Amino acid sequence: MRREAALMMAVISMLLGVTPMVMPSVGGDRLRPLLVIMQIPQAVAQEKKCVEDWERMVVRVTGKGVAPFARFQVRAQAKIMAAEAGRAMAYGRLCDCIAGVRVNSGITVKDGLPDPQRLAKFCEAFIQGARIVGEEVELDAEAATGVVTLEIPLQGEQGLGGQLPPNLRPTSPQPLPSQETRRDPPSSPATSVIDGLILDAQGLPAQPTLYPQVLAEGGRVVYDWHGVDPEHRMLVGRVTNTVEKAAALLKKQGAVQPLVRKVARMEGPGTYVISAGDAKTVISADLESPFLRKSRVVFVLGF
């Protein structure tokens, strides 16, 4: 376990530029798999470093480590070291990946933690919640290749949103307008009660963010992270690329009659502005069947 931790932190530090290539904390023979990785940058440079899956609200990365059989006395040892090197590279890539996740319309994680030492410390704490979802060792005539895939949630207490330092989290509670005047739903609801919201931002400069905001023209908040019940905040920020996929995501939450509205314009990559009329419709519908605080909201982006 100590060896894995040393390997992992050495790679993370190297990717962040915190320490030089020489890593004295990892001694002699144990350094060999990392040296092998660094000798084959072409093998990993062409692969996508990470996948931000905003439909499932997870970040996924894959790391590879190669251990040539010629460097080891037995092949079993090469397989073990290849797997360790794959895990180390995956953890390092995860840190590199989350640094680029957009927090809100203004900043990414890396922008909010410009000091490399602070970013390295945040990554060290954050990646402890990563889950190995795939691990295998591929063999050929000359070497063993460890392929490890990690996943971690974007939201939730154990996810990226829950681990962000205070300076990167929303600070000013802004209750939703619909919560200010909420009343009990009628005893005999209408046959087609709106129970979700799909906001179509295709063609606009929108980007996935951890803390999106929906405003009415004039600046009134219609939907944001503060207005969502804590147990549903893991779903804040969901993004897909078609209205049909958005409806399918909402259906998994029990929403069968979502309201679909076109976003009028953007005030930054993660701040959506809708017309005053659409805002009134959304708020009125939410009074009849509260869906905003359950985060039954999906954004459709043109990607």
Protein backbone atom coordinates (compact mmCIF):
# COMPACT_ATOMS: atom_id res chain seq x y z
CA MET A 1 0.00 0.00 0.00
CA ARG A 2 2.85 2.40 0.83
CA ARG A 3 4.50 1.64 -2.50
CA GLU A 4 1.24 2.33 -4.39
CA ALA A 5 0.79 5.63 -2.57
CA ALA A 6 4.35 6.69 -3.38
CA LEU A 7 3.94 5.81 -7.05
CA MET A 8 0.59 7.55 -7.26
CA MET A 9 1.74 10.80 -5.67
CA ALA A 10 4.93 10.82 -7.73
CA VAL A 11 2.92 10.72 -10.95
CA ILE A 12 0.44 13.33 -9.70
CA SER A 13 3.23 15.68 -8.70
CA MET A 14 4.95 15.18 -12.02
CA LEU A 15 1.77 15.88 -14.02
CA LEU A 16 1.12 19.05 -12.05
CA GLY A 17 4.68 20.25 -12.36
CA VAL A 18 5.11 20.37 -8.58
CA THR A 19 8.28 18.26 -8.46
CA PRO A 20 11.03 17.51 -10.98
CA MET A 21 11.33 14.24 -12.86
CA VAL A 22 13.67 12.77 -10.21
CA MET A 23 11.55 11.34 -7.40
CA PRO A 24 13.78 10.39 -4.44
CA SER A 25 10.83 9.19 -2.37
CA VAL A 26 10.46 6.22 -4.71
CA GLY A 27 13.54 4.08 -4.64
CA GLY A 28 15.54 2.03 -7.12
CA ASP A 29 13.67 -0.96 -8.51
CA ARG A 30 10.24 0.49 -7.71
CA LEU A 31 10.79 3.35 -10.11
CA ARG A 32 11.20 1.15 -13.17
CA PRO A 33 7.53 0.96 -14.28
CA LEU A 34 7.26 4.77 -14.12
CA LEU A 35 10.38 5.15 -16.24
CA VAL A 36 8.87 2.75 -18.73
CA ILE A 37 5.73 4.90 -18.90
CA MET A 38 7.73 8.04 -19.53
CA GLN A 39 9.65 6.30 -22.31
CA ILE A 40 6.48 5.69 -24.35
CA PRO A 41 4.63 9.03 -24.42
CA GLN A 42 3.40 8.28 -27.93
CA ALA A 43 1.44 5.32 -26.63
CA VAL A 44 -0.73 7.48 -24.37
CA ALA A 45 -0.61 10.94 -25.97
CA GLN A 46 -3.17 10.03 -28.63
CA GLU A 47 -5.75 8.82 -26.13
CA LYS A 48 -8.34 11.10 -24.56
CA LYS A 49 -7.23 11.88 -21.02
CA CYS A 50 -10.66 11.94 -19.44
CA VAL A 51 -14.36 11.73 -20.08
CA GLU A 52 -16.73 14.17 -18.37
CA ASP A 53 -20.04 12.30 -18.49
CA TRP A 54 -22.59 14.98 -17.58
CA GLU A 55 -25.54 12.64 -18.18
CA ARG A 56 -24.36 10.22 -15.50
CA MET A 57 -22.55 13.03 -13.61
CA VAL A 58 -19.20 11.25 -13.38
CA VAL A 59 -15.61 11.81 -14.50
CA ARG A 60 -13.89 8.77 -15.99
CA VAL A 61 -10.21 8.28 -16.83
CA THR A 62 -8.05 5.42 -18.09
CA GLY A 63 -4.35 4.98 -17.33
CA LYS A 64 -1.87 2.60 -18.93
CA GLY A 65 1.48 1.35 -17.61
CA VAL A 66 3.90 -0.86 -19.52
CA ALA A 67 6.43 -3.26 -17.95
CA PRO A 68 8.77 -5.04 -20.44
CA PHE A 69 9.43 -8.67 -19.54
CA ALA A 70 13.17 -8.14 -20.13
CA ARG A 71 13.39 -5.99 -16.99
CA PHE A 72 12.03 -8.66 -14.64
CA GLN A 73 13.11 -12.13 -13.63
CA VAL A 74 9.62 -13.59 -13.96
CA ARG A 75 6.61 -12.51 -15.99
CA ALA A 76 4.33 -12.52 -12.94
CA GLN A 77 6.38 -9.67 -11.47
CA ALA A 78 6.03 -7.69 -14.69
CA LYS A 79 2.25 -8.15 -14.61
CA ILE A 80 2.04 -6.86 -11.03
CA MET A 81 4.18 -3.83 -11.77
CA ALA A 82 2.24 -3.05 -14.97
CA ALA A 83 -1.01 -3.03 -12.98
CA GLU A 84 0.54 -0.73 -10.35
CA ALA A 85 1.86 1.61 -13.01
CA GLY A 86 -1.56 1.67 -14.71
CA ARG A 87 -3.23 2.66 -11.44
CA ALA A 88 -0.62 5.36 -10.79
CA MET A 89 -1.11 6.84 -14.26
CA ALA A 90 -4.91 6.72 -13.91
CA TYR A 91 -4.82 8.58 -10.59
CA GLY A 92 -2.47 11.16 -12.07
CA ARG A 93 -4.72 11.64 -15.07
CA LEU A 94 -7.76 12.00 -12.84
CA CYS A 95 -6.11 14.89 -11.05
CA ASP A 96 -5.11 16.46 -14.35
CA CYS A 97 -8.69 16.03 -15.60
CA ILE A 98 -10.61 17.52 -12.68
CA ALA A 99 -8.39 20.61 -12.82
CA GLY A 100 -10.20 21.52 -16.04
CA VAL A 101 -13.78 20.93 -14.84
CA ARG A 102 -15.82 24.13 -15.05
CA VAL A 103 -17.25 25.15 -11.67
CA ASN A 104 -19.49 27.97 -12.89
CA SER A 105 -19.63 30.50 -15.70
CA GLY A 106 -16.41 32.16 -14.57
CA ILE A 107 -13.84 29.61 -13.43
CA THR A 108 -12.52 26.08 -13.63
CA VAL A 109 -11.11 24.14 -10.68
CA LYS A 110 -7.58 25.04 -11.79
CA ASP A 111 -8.50 28.75 -12.07
CA GLY A 112 -9.86 28.68 -8.52
CA LEU A 113 -6.72 26.99 -7.17
CA PRO A 114 -3.95 28.73 -9.13
CA ASP A 115 -1.24 27.70 -6.66
CA PRO A 116 0.10 24.29 -7.85
CA GLN A 117 0.74 23.23 -4.24
CA ARG A 118 -2.90 23.88 -3.29
CA LEU A 119 -4.10 22.06 -6.38
CA ALA A 120 -1.86 19.08 -5.59
CA LYS A 121 -3.15 18.95 -2.00
CA PHE A 122 -6.76 19.13 -3.20
CA CYS A 123 -6.15 16.34 -5.70
CA GLU A 124 -4.53 14.15 -3.05
CA ALA A 125 -7.66 14.40 -0.89
CA PHE A 126 -10.13 14.23 -3.75
CA ILE A 127 -8.90 11.11 -5.52
CA GLN A 128 -9.37 9.01 -2.40
CA GLY A 129 -13.02 8.73 -3.41
CA ALA A 130 -12.22 7.38 -6.88
CA ARG A 131 -13.56 3.95 -7.73
CA ILE A 132 -11.81 1.42 -9.96
CA VAL A 133 -14.40 0.34 -12.55
CA GLY A 134 -12.04 -1.56 -14.84
CA GLU A 135 -8.63 -3.20 -14.40
CA GLU A 136 -6.85 -5.66 -16.66
CA VAL A 137 -3.35 -6.61 -17.74
CA GLU A 138 -2.78 -7.11 -21.46
CA LEU A 139 0.11 -9.34 -22.57
CA ASP A 140 2.13 -9.51 -25.76
CA ALA A 141 5.45 -11.10 -26.62
CA GLU A 142 7.57 -8.36 -25.05
CA ALA A 143 5.65 -6.66 -22.26
CA ALA A 144 2.70 -6.50 -19.87
CA THR A 145 0.39 -3.48 -20.10
CA GLY A 146 -1.79 -2.52 -17.15
CA VAL A 147 -5.04 -0.76 -18.13
CA VAL A 148 -6.97 0.81 -15.25
CA THR A 149 -10.18 2.87 -15.45
CA LEU A 150 -11.30 5.12 -12.58
CA GLU A 151 -14.59 6.90 -12.02
CA ILE A 152 -15.68 9.55 -9.54
CA PRO A 153 -18.98 11.49 -9.20
CA LEU A 154 -19.15 15.14 -10.21
CA GLN A 155 -21.59 15.94 -7.40
CA GLY A 156 -22.38 14.62 -3.93
CA GLU A 157 -20.43 14.52 -0.67
CA GLN A 158 -17.85 12.11 -2.10
CA GLY A 159 -17.80 13.75 -5.51
CA LEU A 160 -16.02 16.75 -6.94
CA GLY A 161 -18.68 19.25 -5.85
CA GLY A 162 -18.66 17.95 -2.29
CA GLN A 163 -14.87 18.13 -2.03
CA LEU A 164 -14.38 21.64 -3.42
CA PRO A 165 -12.84 24.15 -0.99
CA PRO A 166 -15.17 26.90 0.32
CA ASN A 167 -13.86 29.54 -2.08
CA LEU A 168 -15.15 27.53 -5.07
CA ARG A 169 -18.64 26.80 -3.75
CA PRO A 170 -21.73 29.01 -4.15
CA THR A 171 -21.75 31.43 -1.22
CA SER A 172 -24.96 33.48 -1.26
CA PRO A 173 -28.12 31.45 -0.71
CA GLN A 174 -30.73 32.53 -3.22
CA PRO A 175 -34.10 30.84 -2.63
CA LEU A 176 -36.09 30.11 -5.72
CA PRO A 177 -38.95 32.51 -6.41
CA SER A 178 -41.36 29.57 -6.41
CA GLN A 179 -40.28 28.63 -2.87
CA GLU A 180 -41.03 32.12 -1.54
CA THR A 181 -44.76 31.78 -2.25
CA ARG A 182 -45.19 28.01 -2.39
CA ARG A 183 -48.63 26.63 -1.74
CA ASP A 184 -49.96 23.11 -1.42
CA PRO A 185 -50.86 21.43 -4.71
CA PRO A 186 -54.59 21.05 -5.45
CA SER A 187 -56.30 17.92 -4.15
CA SER A 188 -57.43 17.00 -7.69
CA PRO A 189 -54.44 17.69 -9.95
CA ALA A 190 -54.90 18.35 -13.63
CA THR A 191 -54.48 15.47 -16.03
CA SER A 192 -51.20 16.89 -17.46
CA VAL A 193 -49.22 18.27 -14.55
CA ILE A 194 -45.77 19.54 -15.52
CA ASP A 195 -43.19 17.65 -13.48
CA GLY A 196 -39.83 18.53 -15.04
CA LEU A 197 -37.94 21.07 -17.12
CA ILE A 198 -35.82 20.72 -20.26
CA LEU A 199 -33.86 23.80 -21.30
CA ASP A 200 -32.68 23.75 -24.90
CA ALA A 201 -29.45 25.75 -25.34
CA GLN A 202 -28.39 24.27 -28.68
CA GLY A 203 -26.63 26.82 -30.83
CA LEU A 204 -25.62 28.92 -27.81
CA PRO A 205 -22.15 29.12 -26.18
CA ALA A 206 -23.12 26.94 -23.21
CA GLN A 207 -20.78 24.54 -21.41
CA PRO A 208 -21.37 21.94 -18.67
CA THR A 209 -20.78 23.36 -15.17
CA LEU A 210 -21.08 22.09 -11.62
CA TYR A 211 -23.24 25.05 -10.56
CA PRO A 212 -25.45 26.19 -13.46
CA GLN A 213 -27.92 29.03 -12.98
CA VAL A 214 -31.19 29.80 -14.74
CA LEU A 215 -32.24 33.46 -14.73
CA ALA A 216 -35.26 35.31 -16.04
CA GLU A 217 -34.68 38.39 -18.16
CA GLY A 218 -33.92 41.06 -15.60
CA GLY A 219 -31.78 38.79 -13.41
CA ARG A 220 -34.34 37.02 -11.20
CA VAL A 221 -33.15 33.53 -10.21
CA VAL A 222 -35.40 30.74 -11.46
CA TYR A 223 -33.20 27.73 -10.69
CA ASP A 224 -29.85 27.22 -9.03
CA TRP A 225 -27.98 24.90 -6.66
CA HIS A 226 -29.25 26.63 -3.51
CA GLY A 227 -32.88 25.94 -4.33
CA VAL A 228 -32.39 22.20 -4.67
CA ASP A 229 -33.00 19.87 -1.73
CA PRO A 230 -29.68 18.42 -0.48
CA GLU A 231 -30.65 14.85 -1.35
CA HIS A 232 -31.12 15.83 -5.01
CA ARG A 233 -28.04 17.99 -5.51
CA MET A 234 -26.12 15.10 -7.06
CA LEU A 235 -28.24 15.69 -10.18
CA VAL A 236 -27.56 19.41 -10.54
CA GLY A 237 -25.83 20.23 -13.82
CA ARG A 238 -26.96 17.30 -15.96
CA VAL A 239 -26.35 17.87 -19.66
CA THR A 240 -27.15 15.91 -22.80
CA ASN A 241 -27.33 16.61 -26.52
CA THR A 242 -30.97 15.99 -27.51
CA VAL A 243 -34.37 16.79 -26.07
CA GLU A 244 -35.29 13.10 -26.34
CA LYS A 245 -32.32 12.04 -24.19
CA ALA A 246 -33.20 14.75 -21.68
CA ALA A 247 -36.74 13.41 -21.43
CA ALA A 248 -35.37 9.89 -20.87
CA LEU A 249 -33.16 11.12 -18.02
CA LEU A 250 -36.11 12.85 -16.37
CA LYS A 251 -38.29 9.79 -16.78
CA LYS A 252 -35.83 7.87 -14.58
CA GLN A 253 -36.75 10.39 -11.85
CA GLY A 254 -40.46 9.84 -12.43
CA ALA A 255 -41.06 12.96 -14.54
CA VAL A 256 -43.36 12.10 -17.44
CA GLN A 257 -44.59 15.55 -18.48
CA PRO A 258 -41.57 17.87 -18.67
CA LEU A 259 -41.79 21.43 -19.91
CA VAL A 260 -39.47 22.18 -22.83
CA ARG A 261 -38.25 25.75 -23.27
CA LYS A 262 -35.62 27.38 -25.46
CA VAL A 263 -32.90 29.37 -23.73
CA ALA A 264 -32.93 32.98 -24.91
CA ARG A 265 -29.25 33.72 -24.35
CA MET A 266 -26.25 32.96 -22.17
CA GLU A 267 -24.59 35.15 -19.55
CA GLY A 268 -21.46 33.05 -19.45
CA PRO A 269 -20.97 29.33 -20.20
CA GLY A 270 -23.13 28.15 -17.28
CA THR A 271 -25.70 30.94 -16.77
CA TYR A 272 -28.86 30.44 -18.81
CA VAL A 273 -31.32 33.29 -19.40
CA ILE A 274 -34.93 32.58 -20.37
CA SER A 275 -37.66 35.02 -21.30
CA ALA A 276 -39.86 36.62 -18.66
CA GLY A 277 -42.86 34.73 -20.04
CA ASP A 278 -41.07 31.37 -19.88
CA ALA A 279 -39.87 32.12 -16.36
CA LYS A 280 -43.45 32.83 -15.26
CA THR A 281 -44.61 29.55 -16.81
CA VAL A 282 -41.85 27.57 -15.09
CA ILE A 283 -42.50 29.12 -11.68
CA SER A 284 -46.29 28.63 -11.96
CA ALA A 285 -45.85 24.99 -12.97
CA ASP A 286 -43.45 24.42 -10.08
CA LEU A 287 -46.07 25.73 -7.65
CA GLU A 288 -48.47 23.02 -8.78
CA SER A 289 -45.95 20.18 -8.74
CA PRO A 290 -42.55 21.06 -7.24
CA PHE A 291 -39.83 19.81 -9.56
CA LEU A 292 -37.11 22.46 -9.34
CA ARG A 293 -36.10 21.55 -5.79
CA LYS A 294 -35.91 17.90 -6.89
CA SER A 295 -33.48 18.91 -9.65
CA ARG A 296 -35.72 17.57 -12.37
CA VAL A 297 -33.93 19.86 -14.79
CA VAL A 298 -31.76 18.85 -17.76
CA PHE A 299 -29.86 21.13 -20.14
CA VAL A 300 -29.55 20.31 -23.84
CA LEU A 301 -26.32 21.52 -25.39
CA GLY A 302 -25.15 21.32 -28.98
CA PHE A 303 -22.17 18.97 -28.62
